[in-house]
Amino acid sequence: MRRQIQKLIDREINPSVASHGGEIQLVDYLDKNVYIQMLGGCQGCAASTATLKQGVERILRDNFGDDINDIIDVTDHGAGDNPFYSESPFG
C-alpha cells in the first residue's frame, strides 16, 4: 500500500505543488493512517492546511477510500525556510 500511495502522490499531487517549489512525501502508512511530510515551498506555507485538506486528502480518499482513516501532516512547519505563502505578520 505504501508504494501505491507514494506513486499516486508522485503522479497526481507533486506536479501541482512543484509549481510552488513544494513536494509531498509519504512518511508512513500505519493502521490505515497516512503520514505525510511537506517539503520545500509547502513547509511553513500559510496555505499548507488547504493543500492538505482540499488537495492531498481529497485525492487520496478518492483513490483509496476505505483503506485510509486519517491523513496526518507530520511536517515541522516552523522550520520552513522558504514557504510559498508566508504567514501574515498581522495575525
PDB file of N, CA and C in Angstrom:
ATOM      1  N   MET A   1       0.817  -1.191   0.000  1.00  0.00           N
ATOM      2  CA  MET A   1       0.000   0.000   0.000  1.00  0.00           C
ATOM      3  C   MET A   1       0.867   1.263   0.000  1.00  0.00           C
ATOM      4  N   ARG A   2       1.969   1.230   0.734  1.00  0.00           N
ATOM      5  CA  ARG A   2       2.863   2.399   0.766  1.00  0.00           C
ATOM      6  C   ARG A   2       3.304   2.796  -0.641  1.00  0.00           C
ATOM      7  N   ARG A   3       3.688   1.809  -1.401  1.00  0.00           N
ATOM      8  CA  ARG A   3       4.171   2.061  -2.763  1.00  0.00           C
ATOM      9  C   ARG A   3       3.064   2.671  -3.630  1.00  0.00           C
ATOM     10  N   GLN A   4       1.854   2.172  -3.500  1.00  0.00           N
ATOM     11  CA  GLN A   4       0.730   2.696  -4.271  1.00  0.00           C
ATOM     12  C   GLN A   4       0.428   4.154  -3.884  1.00  0.00           C
ATOM     13  N   ILE A   5       0.477   4.440  -2.604  1.00  0.00           N
ATOM     14  CA  ILE A   5       0.215   5.808  -2.137  1.00  0.00           C
ATOM     15  C   ILE A   5       1.280   6.759  -2.663  1.00  0.00           C
ATOM     16  N   GLN A   6       2.551   6.370  -2.528  1.00  0.00           N
ATOM     17  CA  GLN A   6       3.627   7.255  -2.995  1.00  0.00           C
ATOM     18  C   GLN A   6       3.554   7.462  -4.501  1.00  0.00           C
ATOM     19  N   LYS A   7       3.214   6.413  -5.253  1.00  0.00           N
ATOM     20  CA  LYS A   7       3.067   6.563  -6.710  1.00  0.00           C
ATOM     21  C   LYS A   7       1.976   7.573  -7.045  1.00  0.00           C
ATOM     22  N   LEU A   8       0.861   7.504  -6.341  1.00  0.00           N
ATOM     23  CA  LEU A   8      -0.230   8.447  -6.566  1.00  0.00           C
ATOM     24  C   LEU A   8       0.194   9.866  -6.206  1.00  0.00           C
ATOM     25  N   ILE A   9       0.881  10.019  -5.098  1.00  0.00           N
ATOM     26  CA  ILE A   9       1.383  11.340  -4.696  1.00  0.00           C
ATOM     27  C   ILE A   9       2.307  11.888  -5.776  1.00  0.00           C
ATOM     28  N   ASP A  10       3.220  11.057  -6.260  1.00  0.00           N
ATOM     29  CA  ASP A  10       4.171  11.498  -7.282  1.00  0.00           C
ATOM     30  C   ASP A  10       3.483  11.852  -8.601  1.00  0.00           C
ATOM     31  N   ARG A  11       2.456  11.107  -8.954  1.00  0.00           N
ATOM     32  CA  ARG A  11       1.772  11.295 -10.230  1.00  0.00           C
ATOM     33  C   ARG A  11       0.721  12.411 -10.187  1.00  0.00           C
ATOM     34  N   GLU A  12      -0.063  12.501  -9.117  1.00  0.00           N
ATOM     35  CA  GLU A  12      -1.214  13.391  -9.074  1.00  0.00           C
ATOM     36  C   GLU A  12      -1.009  14.668  -8.249  1.00  0.00           C
ATOM     37  N   ILE A  13      -0.168  14.610  -7.234  1.00  0.00           N
ATOM     38  CA  ILE A  13      -0.056  15.729  -6.299  1.00  0.00           C
ATOM     39  C   ILE A  13       1.220  16.528  -6.505  1.00  0.00           C
ATOM     40  N   ASN A  14       2.346  15.854  -6.561  1.00  0.00           N
ATOM     41  CA  ASN A  14       3.623  16.572  -6.639  1.00  0.00           C
ATOM     42  C   ASN A  14       3.782  17.473  -7.860  1.00  0.00           C
ATOM     43  N   PRO A  15       3.251  17.122  -9.019  1.00  0.00           N
ATOM     44  CA  PRO A  15       3.379  18.081 -10.129  1.00  0.00           C
ATOM     45  C   PRO A  15       2.706  19.432  -9.830  1.00  0.00           C
ATOM     46  N   SER A  16       1.607  19.418  -9.108  1.00  0.00           N
ATOM     47  CA  SER A  16       0.933  20.669  -8.763  1.00  0.00           C
ATOM     48  C   SER A  16       1.703  21.473  -7.731  1.00  0.00           C
ATOM     49  N   VAL A  17       2.141  20.820  -6.665  1.00  0.00           N
ATOM     50  CA  VAL A  17       2.848  21.564  -5.623  1.00  0.00           C
ATOM     51  C   VAL A  17       4.261  21.952  -6.068  1.00  0.00           C
ATOM     52  N   ALA A  18       4.796  21.252  -7.054  1.00  0.00           N
ATOM     53  CA  ALA A  18       6.128  21.601  -7.574  1.00  0.00           C
ATOM     54  C   ALA A  18       6.129  22.987  -8.213  1.00  0.00           C
ATOM     55  N   SER A  19       4.986  23.403  -8.737  1.00  0.00           N
ATOM     56  CA  SER A  19       4.916  24.742  -9.339  1.00  0.00           C
ATOM     57  C   SER A  19       5.086  25.837  -8.285  1.00  0.00           C
ATOM     58  N   HIS A  20       4.946  25.482  -7.020  1.00  0.00           N
ATOM     59  CA  HIS A  20       5.172  26.411  -5.911  1.00  0.00           C
ATOM     60  C   HIS A  20       6.460  26.070  -5.164  1.00  0.00           C
ATOM     61  N   GLY A  21       7.275  25.216  -5.748  1.00  0.00           N
ATOM     62  CA  GLY A  21       8.537  24.827  -5.123  1.00  0.00           C
ATOM     63  C   GLY A  21       8.368  23.815  -4.006  1.00  0.00           C
ATOM     64  N   GLY A  22       7.226  23.111  -3.973  1.00  0.00           N
ATOM     65  CA  GLY A  22       6.962  22.167  -2.895  1.00  0.00           C
ATOM     66  C   GLY A  22       7.031  20.719  -3.323  1.00  0.00           C
ATOM     67  N   GLU A  23       6.927  19.869  -2.324  1.00  0.00           N
ATOM     68  CA  GLU A  23       6.917  18.422  -2.543  1.00  0.00           C
ATOM     69  C   GLU A  23       6.212  17.779  -1.362  1.00  0.00           C
ATOM     70  N   ILE A  24       5.487  16.700  -1.634  1.00  0.00           N
ATOM     71  CA  ILE A  24       4.824  15.910  -0.603  1.00  0.00           C
ATOM     72  C   ILE A  24       5.463  14.531  -0.599  1.00  0.00           C
ATOM     73  N   GLN A  25       5.832  14.057   0.590  1.00  0.00           N
ATOM     74  CA  GLN A  25       6.404  12.720   0.717  1.00  0.00           C
ATOM     75  C   GLN A  25       5.580  11.894   1.681  1.00  0.00           C
ATOM     76  N   LEU A  26       5.419  10.628   1.359  1.00  0.00           N
ATOM     77  CA  LEU A  26       4.805   9.689   2.279  1.00  0.00           C
ATOM     78  C   LEU A  26       5.847   9.322   3.329  1.00  0.00           C
ATOM     79  N   VAL A  27       5.522   9.514   4.587  1.00  0.00           N
ATOM     80  CA  VAL A  27       6.413   9.134   5.680  1.00  0.00           C
ATOM     81  C   VAL A  27       6.099   7.710   6.125  1.00  0.00           C
ATOM     82  N   ASP A  28       4.795   7.403   6.254  1.00  0.00           N
ATOM     83  CA  ASP A  28       4.405   6.067   6.684  1.00  0.00           C
ATOM     84  C   ASP A  28       2.931   5.828   6.387  1.00  0.00           C
ATOM     85  N   TYR A  29       2.569   4.574   6.344  1.00  0.00           N
ATOM     86  CA  TYR A  29       1.181   4.136   6.265  1.00  0.00           C
ATOM     87  C   TYR A  29       1.048   3.074   7.339  1.00  0.00           C
ATOM     88  N   LEU A  30       0.305   3.400   8.398  1.00  0.00           N
ATOM     89  CA  LEU A  30       0.238   2.515   9.555  1.00  0.00           C
ATOM     90  C   LEU A  30      -1.183   2.516  10.098  1.00  0.00           C
ATOM     91  N   ASP A  31      -1.762   1.343  10.258  1.00  0.00           N
ATOM     92  CA  ASP A  31      -3.127   1.202  10.780  1.00  0.00           C
ATOM     93  C   ASP A  31      -4.123   2.058   9.998  1.00  0.00           C
ATOM     94  N   LYS A  32      -3.992   2.059   8.695  1.00  0.00           N
ATOM     95  CA  LYS A  32      -4.853   2.811   7.770  1.00  0.00           C
ATOM     96  C   LYS A  32      -4.697   4.330   7.898  1.00  0.00           C
ATOM     97  N   ASN A  33      -3.663   4.778   8.579  1.00  0.00           N
ATOM     98  CA  ASN A  33      -3.365   6.202   8.665  1.00  0.00           C
ATOM     99  C   ASN A  33      -2.197   6.520   7.748  1.00  0.00           C
ATOM    100  N   VAL A  34      -2.323   7.618   7.007  1.00  0.00           N
ATOM    101  CA  VAL A  34      -1.288   8.065   6.083  1.00  0.00           C
ATOM    102  C   VAL A  34      -0.570   9.254   6.730  1.00  0.00           C
ATOM    103  N   TYR A  35       0.737   9.135   6.879  1.00  0.00           N
ATOM    104  CA  TYR A  35       1.553  10.198   7.454  1.00  0.00           C
ATOM    105  C   TYR A  35       2.357  10.828   6.320  1.00  0.00           C
ATOM    106  N   ILE A  36       2.161  12.127   6.130  1.00  0.00           N
ATOM    107  CA  ILE A  36       2.865  12.808   5.048  1.00  0.00           C
ATOM    108  C   ILE A  36       3.711  13.945   5.614  1.00  0.00           C
ATOM    109  N   GLN A  37       4.703  14.328   4.812  1.00  0.00           N
ATOM    110  CA  GLN A  37       5.560  15.459   5.139  1.00  0.00           C
ATOM    111  C   GLN A  37       5.589  16.390   3.938  1.00  0.00           C
ATOM    112  N   MET A  38       5.474  17.679   4.227  1.00  0.00           N
ATOM    113  CA  MET A  38       5.527  18.695   3.187  1.00  0.00           C
ATOM    114  C   MET A  38       6.923  19.309   3.190  1.00  0.00           C
ATOM    115  N   LEU A  39       7.482  19.437   2.004  1.00  0.00           N
ATOM    116  CA  LEU A  39       8.850  19.933   1.873  1.00  0.00           C
ATOM    117  C   LEU A  39       8.884  21.156   0.965  1.00  0.00           C
ATOM    118  N   GLY A  40      10.011  21.845   0.959  1.00  0.00           N
ATOM    119  CA  GLY A  40      10.216  22.988   0.067  1.00  0.00           C
ATOM    120  C   GLY A  40       9.225  24.092   0.352  1.00  0.00           C
ATOM    121  N   GLY A  41       8.594  24.609  -0.692  1.00  0.00           N
ATOM    122  CA  GLY A  41       7.670  25.720  -0.563  1.00  0.00           C
ATOM    123  C   GLY A  41       6.421  25.388   0.233  1.00  0.00           C
ATOM    124  N   CYS A  42       6.144  24.105   0.464  1.00  0.00           N
ATOM    125  CA  CYS A  42       4.974  23.703   1.262  1.00  0.00           C
ATOM    126  C   CYS A  42       5.268  23.758   2.761  1.00  0.00           C
ATOM    127  N   GLN A  43       6.535  23.614   3.135  1.00  0.00           N
ATOM    128  CA  GLN A  43       6.897  23.600   4.549  1.00  0.00           C
ATOM    129  C   GLN A  43       6.837  25.022   5.096  1.00  0.00           C
ATOM    130  N   GLY A  44       5.894  25.259   5.976  1.00  0.00           N
ATOM    131  CA  GLY A  44       5.729  26.583   6.555  1.00  0.00           C
ATOM    132  C   GLY A  44       4.800  27.483   5.761  1.00  0.00           C
ATOM    133  N   CYS A  45       4.246  26.990   4.675  1.00  0.00           N
ATOM    134  CA  CYS A  45       3.356  27.783   3.826  1.00  0.00           C
ATOM    135  C   CYS A  45       2.020  28.009   4.535  1.00  0.00           C
ATOM    136  N   ALA A  46       1.525  29.228   4.456  1.00  0.00           N
ATOM    137  CA  ALA A  46       0.250  29.560   5.085  1.00  0.00           C
ATOM    138  C   ALA A  46      -0.915  28.792   4.465  1.00  0.00           C
ATOM    139  N   ALA A  47      -0.760  28.317   3.248  1.00  0.00           N
ATOM    140  CA  ALA A  47      -1.822  27.579   2.568  1.00  0.00           C
ATOM    141  C   ALA A  47      -1.670  26.061   2.709  1.00  0.00           C
ATOM    142  N   SER A  48      -0.757  25.598   3.548  1.00  0.00           N
ATOM    143  CA  SER A  48      -0.491  24.160   3.653  1.00  0.00           C
ATOM    144  C   SER A  48      -1.704  23.376   4.142  1.00  0.00           C
ATOM    145  N   THR A  49      -2.510  23.946   5.029  1.00  0.00           N
ATOM    146  CA  THR A  49      -3.705  23.254   5.507  1.00  0.00           C
ATOM    147  C   THR A  49      -4.699  23.065   4.368  1.00  0.00           C
ATOM    148  N   ALA A  50      -4.870  24.083   3.545  1.00  0.00           N
ATOM    149  CA  ALA A  50      -5.759  23.971   2.387  1.00  0.00           C
ATOM    150  C   ALA A  50      -5.222  22.937   1.403  1.00  0.00           C
ATOM    151  N   THR A  51      -3.917  22.933   1.184  1.00  0.00           N
ATOM    152  CA  THR A  51      -3.306  21.948   0.296  1.00  0.00           C
ATOM    153  C   THR A  51      -3.571  20.544   0.823  1.00  0.00           C
ATOM    154  N   LEU A  52      -3.431  20.365   2.122  1.00  0.00           N
ATOM    155  CA  LEU A  52      -3.647  19.053   2.727  1.00  0.00           C
ATOM    156  C   LEU A  52      -5.108  18.620   2.596  1.00  0.00           C
ATOM    157  N   LYS A  53      -6.031  19.473   3.010  1.00  0.00           N
ATOM    158  CA  LYS A  53      -7.448  19.107   3.059  1.00  0.00           C
ATOM    159  C   LYS A  53      -8.110  19.062   1.679  1.00  0.00           C
ATOM    160  N   GLN A  54      -7.845  20.054   0.851  1.00  0.00           N
ATOM    161  CA  GLN A  54      -8.540  20.157  -0.427  1.00  0.00           C
ATOM    162  C   GLN A  54      -7.810  19.457  -1.567  1.00  0.00           C
ATOM    163  N   GLY A  55      -6.547  19.173  -1.376  1.00  0.00           N
ATOM    164  CA  GLY A  55      -5.774  18.527  -2.422  1.00  0.00           C
ATOM    165  C   GLY A  55      -5.382  17.110  -2.055  1.00  0.00           C
ATOM    166  N   VAL A  56      -4.432  16.989  -1.153  1.00  0.00           N
ATOM    167  CA  VAL A  56      -3.869  15.687  -0.798  1.00  0.00           C
ATOM    168  C   VAL A  56      -4.948  14.742  -0.282  1.00  0.00           C
ATOM    169  N   GLU A  57      -5.709  15.189   0.701  1.00  0.00           N
ATOM    170  CA  GLU A  57      -6.715  14.315   1.303  1.00  0.00           C
ATOM    171  C   GLU A  57      -7.782  13.898   0.289  1.00  0.00           C
ATOM    172  N   ARG A  58      -8.274  14.831  -0.487  1.00  0.00           N
ATOM    173  CA  ARG A  58      -9.312  14.526  -1.476  1.00  0.00           C
ATOM    174  C   ARG A  58      -8.832  13.475  -2.479  1.00  0.00           C
ATOM    175  N   ILE A  59      -7.622  13.673  -2.993  1.00  0.00           N
ATOM    176  CA  ILE A  59      -7.083  12.742  -3.992  1.00  0.00           C
ATOM    177  C   ILE A  59      -6.856  11.359  -3.392  1.00  0.00           C
ATOM    178  N   LEU A  60      -6.286  11.304  -2.191  1.00  0.00           N
ATOM    179  CA  LEU A  60      -6.042  10.007  -1.556  1.00  0.00           C
ATOM    180  C   LEU A  60      -7.352   9.283  -1.255  1.00  0.00           C
ATOM    181  N   ARG A  61      -8.327   9.994  -0.735  1.00  0.00           N
ATOM    182  CA  ARG A  61      -9.621   9.367  -0.414  1.00  0.00           C
ATOM    183  C   ARG A  61     -10.361   8.922  -1.683  1.00  0.00           C
ATOM    184  N   ASP A  62     -10.278   9.727  -2.737  1.00  0.00           N
ATOM    185  CA  ASP A  62     -10.911   9.338  -4.000  1.00  0.00           C
ATOM    186  C   ASP A  62     -10.330   8.046  -4.552  1.00  0.00           C
ATOM    187  N   ASN A  63      -9.050   7.816  -4.316  1.00  0.00           N
ATOM    188  CA  ASN A  63      -8.372   6.659  -4.885  1.00  0.00           C
ATOM    189  C   ASN A  63      -8.298   5.453  -3.957  1.00  0.00           C
ATOM    190  N   PHE A  64      -8.280   5.678  -2.648  1.00  0.00           N
ATOM    191  CA  PHE A  64      -8.084   4.563  -1.719  1.00  0.00           C
ATOM    192  C   PHE A  64      -9.226   4.378  -0.726  1.00  0.00           C
ATOM    193  N   GLY A  65     -10.176   5.299  -0.680  1.00  0.00           N
ATOM    194  CA  GLY A  65     -11.398   5.182   0.112  1.00  0.00           C
ATOM    195  C   GLY A  65     -11.245   4.572   1.490  1.00  0.00           C
ATOM    196  N   ASP A  66     -11.805   3.372   1.649  1.00  0.00           N
ATOM    197  CA  ASP A  66     -11.851   2.705   2.951  1.00  0.00           C
ATOM    198  C   ASP A  66     -10.496   2.225   3.460  1.00  0.00           C
ATOM    199  N   ASP A  67      -9.466   2.295   2.626  1.00  0.00           N
ATOM    200  CA  ASP A  67      -8.129   1.889   3.069  1.00  0.00           C
ATOM    201  C   ASP A  67      -7.425   2.989   3.856  1.00  0.00           C
ATOM    202  N   ILE A  68      -8.088   4.135   4.012  1.00  0.00           N
ATOM    203  CA  ILE A  68      -7.482   5.269   4.729  1.00  0.00           C
ATOM    204  C   ILE A  68      -8.443   5.781   5.792  1.00  0.00           C
ATOM    205  N   ASN A  69      -7.934   5.882   7.015  1.00  0.00           N
ATOM    206  CA  ASN A  69      -8.698   6.514   8.097  1.00  0.00           C
ATOM    207  C   ASN A  69      -8.385   8.008   8.155  1.00  0.00           C
ATOM    208  N   ASP A  70      -7.144   8.337   8.429  1.00  0.00           N
ATOM    209  CA  ASP A  70      -6.728   9.731   8.578  1.00  0.00           C
ATOM    210  C   ASP A  70      -5.490  10.014   7.745  1.00  0.00           C
ATOM    211  N   ILE A  71      -5.369  11.264   7.326  1.00  0.00           N
ATOM    212  CA  ILE A  71      -4.158  11.757   6.672  1.00  0.00           C
ATOM    213  C   ILE A  71      -3.554  12.765   7.637  1.00  0.00           C
ATOM    214  N   ILE A  72      -2.349  12.479   8.091  1.00  0.00           N
ATOM    215  CA  ILE A  72      -1.727  13.249   9.158  1.00  0.00           C
ATOM    216  C   ILE A  72      -0.463  13.922   8.634  1.00  0.00           C
ATOM    217  N   ASP A  73      -0.421  15.236   8.778  1.00  0.00           N
ATOM    218  CA  ASP A  73       0.735  16.032   8.375  1.00  0.00           C
ATOM    219  C   ASP A  73       1.720  16.066   9.536  1.00  0.00           C
ATOM    220  N   VAL A  74       2.908  15.493   9.348  1.00  0.00           N
ATOM    221  CA  VAL A  74       3.927  15.455  10.401  1.00  0.00           C
ATOM    222  C   VAL A  74       5.021  16.501  10.176  1.00  0.00           C
ATOM    223  N   THR A  75       4.764  17.431   9.275  1.00  0.00           N
ATOM    224  CA  THR A  75       5.736  18.458   8.918  1.00  0.00           C
ATOM    225  C   THR A  75       5.968  19.421  10.076  1.00  0.00           C
ATOM    226  N   ASP A  76       7.214  19.791  10.283  1.00  0.00           N
ATOM    227  CA  ASP A  76       7.545  20.875  11.216  1.00  0.00           C
ATOM    228  C   ASP A  76       7.467  22.171  10.410  1.00  0.00           C
ATOM    229  N   HIS A  77       6.283  22.768  10.356  1.00  0.00           N
ATOM    230  CA  HIS A  77       6.085  23.952   9.525  1.00  0.00           C
ATOM    231  C   HIS A  77       6.859  25.164  10.039  1.00  0.00           C
ATOM    232  N   GLY A  78       7.214  25.171  11.299  1.00  0.00           N
ATOM    233  CA  GLY A  78       8.004  26.264  11.854  1.00  0.00           C
ATOM    234  C   GLY A  78       9.435  26.281  11.354  1.00  0.00           C
ATOM    235  N   ALA A  79       9.883  25.175  10.789  1.00  0.00           N
ATOM    236  CA  ALA A  79      11.260  25.075  10.303  1.00  0.00           C
ATOM    237  C   ALA A  79      11.388  25.424   8.827  1.00  0.00           C
ATOM    238  N   GLY A  80      10.287  25.783   8.168  1.00  0.00           N
ATOM    239  CA  GLY A  80      10.344  26.097   6.745  1.00  0.00           C
ATOM    240  C   GLY A  80      11.145  27.355   6.470  1.00  0.00           C
ATOM    241  N   ASP A  81      12.100  27.275   5.554  1.00  0.00           N
ATOM    242  CA  ASP A  81      12.968  28.406   5.227  1.00  0.00           C
ATOM    243  C   ASP A  81      12.401  29.304   4.135  1.00  0.00           C
ATOM    244  N   ASN A  82      11.637  28.725   3.218  1.00  0.00           N
ATOM    245  CA  ASN A  82      11.196  29.485   2.056  1.00  0.00           C
ATOM    246  C   ASN A  82       9.770  29.090   1.657  1.00  0.00           C
ATOM    247  N   PRO A  83       8.772  29.374   2.536  1.00  0.00           N
ATOM    248  CA  PRO A  83       7.411  28.988   2.202  1.00  0.00           C
ATOM    249  C   PRO A  83       6.873  29.780   1.021  1.00  0.00           C
ATOM    250  N   PHE A  84       6.006  29.142   0.230  1.00  0.00           N
ATOM    251  CA  PHE A  84       5.447  29.816  -0.936  1.00  0.00           C
ATOM    252  C   PHE A  84       4.586  30.996  -0.503  1.00  0.00           C
ATOM    253  N   TYR A  85       3.726  30.806   0.488  1.00  0.00           N
ATOM    254  CA  TYR A  85       2.937  31.893   1.085  1.00  0.00           C
ATOM    255  C   TYR A  85       3.332  31.984   2.546  1.00  0.00           C
ATOM    256  N   SER A  86       3.874  33.107   2.952  1.00  0.00           N
ATOM    257  CA  SER A  86       4.263  33.302   4.342  1.00  0.00           C
ATOM    258  C   SER A  86       3.050  33.688   5.166  1.00  0.00           C
ATOM    259  N   GLU A  87       3.120  33.374   6.462  1.00  0.00           N
ATOM    260  CA  GLU A  87       2.084  33.818   7.391  1.00  0.00           C
ATOM    261  C   GLU A  87       2.107  35.334   7.461  1.00  0.00           C
ATOM    262  N   SER A  88       0.953  35.914   7.638  1.00  0.00           N
ATOM    263  CA  SER A  88       0.854  37.371   7.775  1.00  0.00           C
ATOM    264  C   SER A  88       1.427  37.809   9.113  1.00  0.00           C
ATOM    265  N   PRO A  89       2.236  38.864   9.146  1.00  0.00           N
ATOM    266  CA  PRO A  89       2.758  39.353  10.437  1.00  0.00           C
ATOM    267  C   PRO A  89       1.657  39.990  11.262  1.00  0.00           C
ATOM    268  N   PHE A  90       0.459  40.154  10.689  1.00  0.00           N
ATOM    269  CA  PHE A  90      -0.644  40.810  11.386  1.00  0.00           C
ATOM    270  C   PHE A  90      -1.629  39.820  11.989  1.00  0.00           C
ATOM    271  N   GLY A  91      -1.249  38.529  11.947  1.00  0.00           N
ATOM    272  CA  GLY A  91      -2.106  37.508  12.581  1.00  0.00           C
ATOM    273  C   GLY A  91      -3.042  36.946  11.637  1.00  0.00           C
TER     274      GLY A  91
END
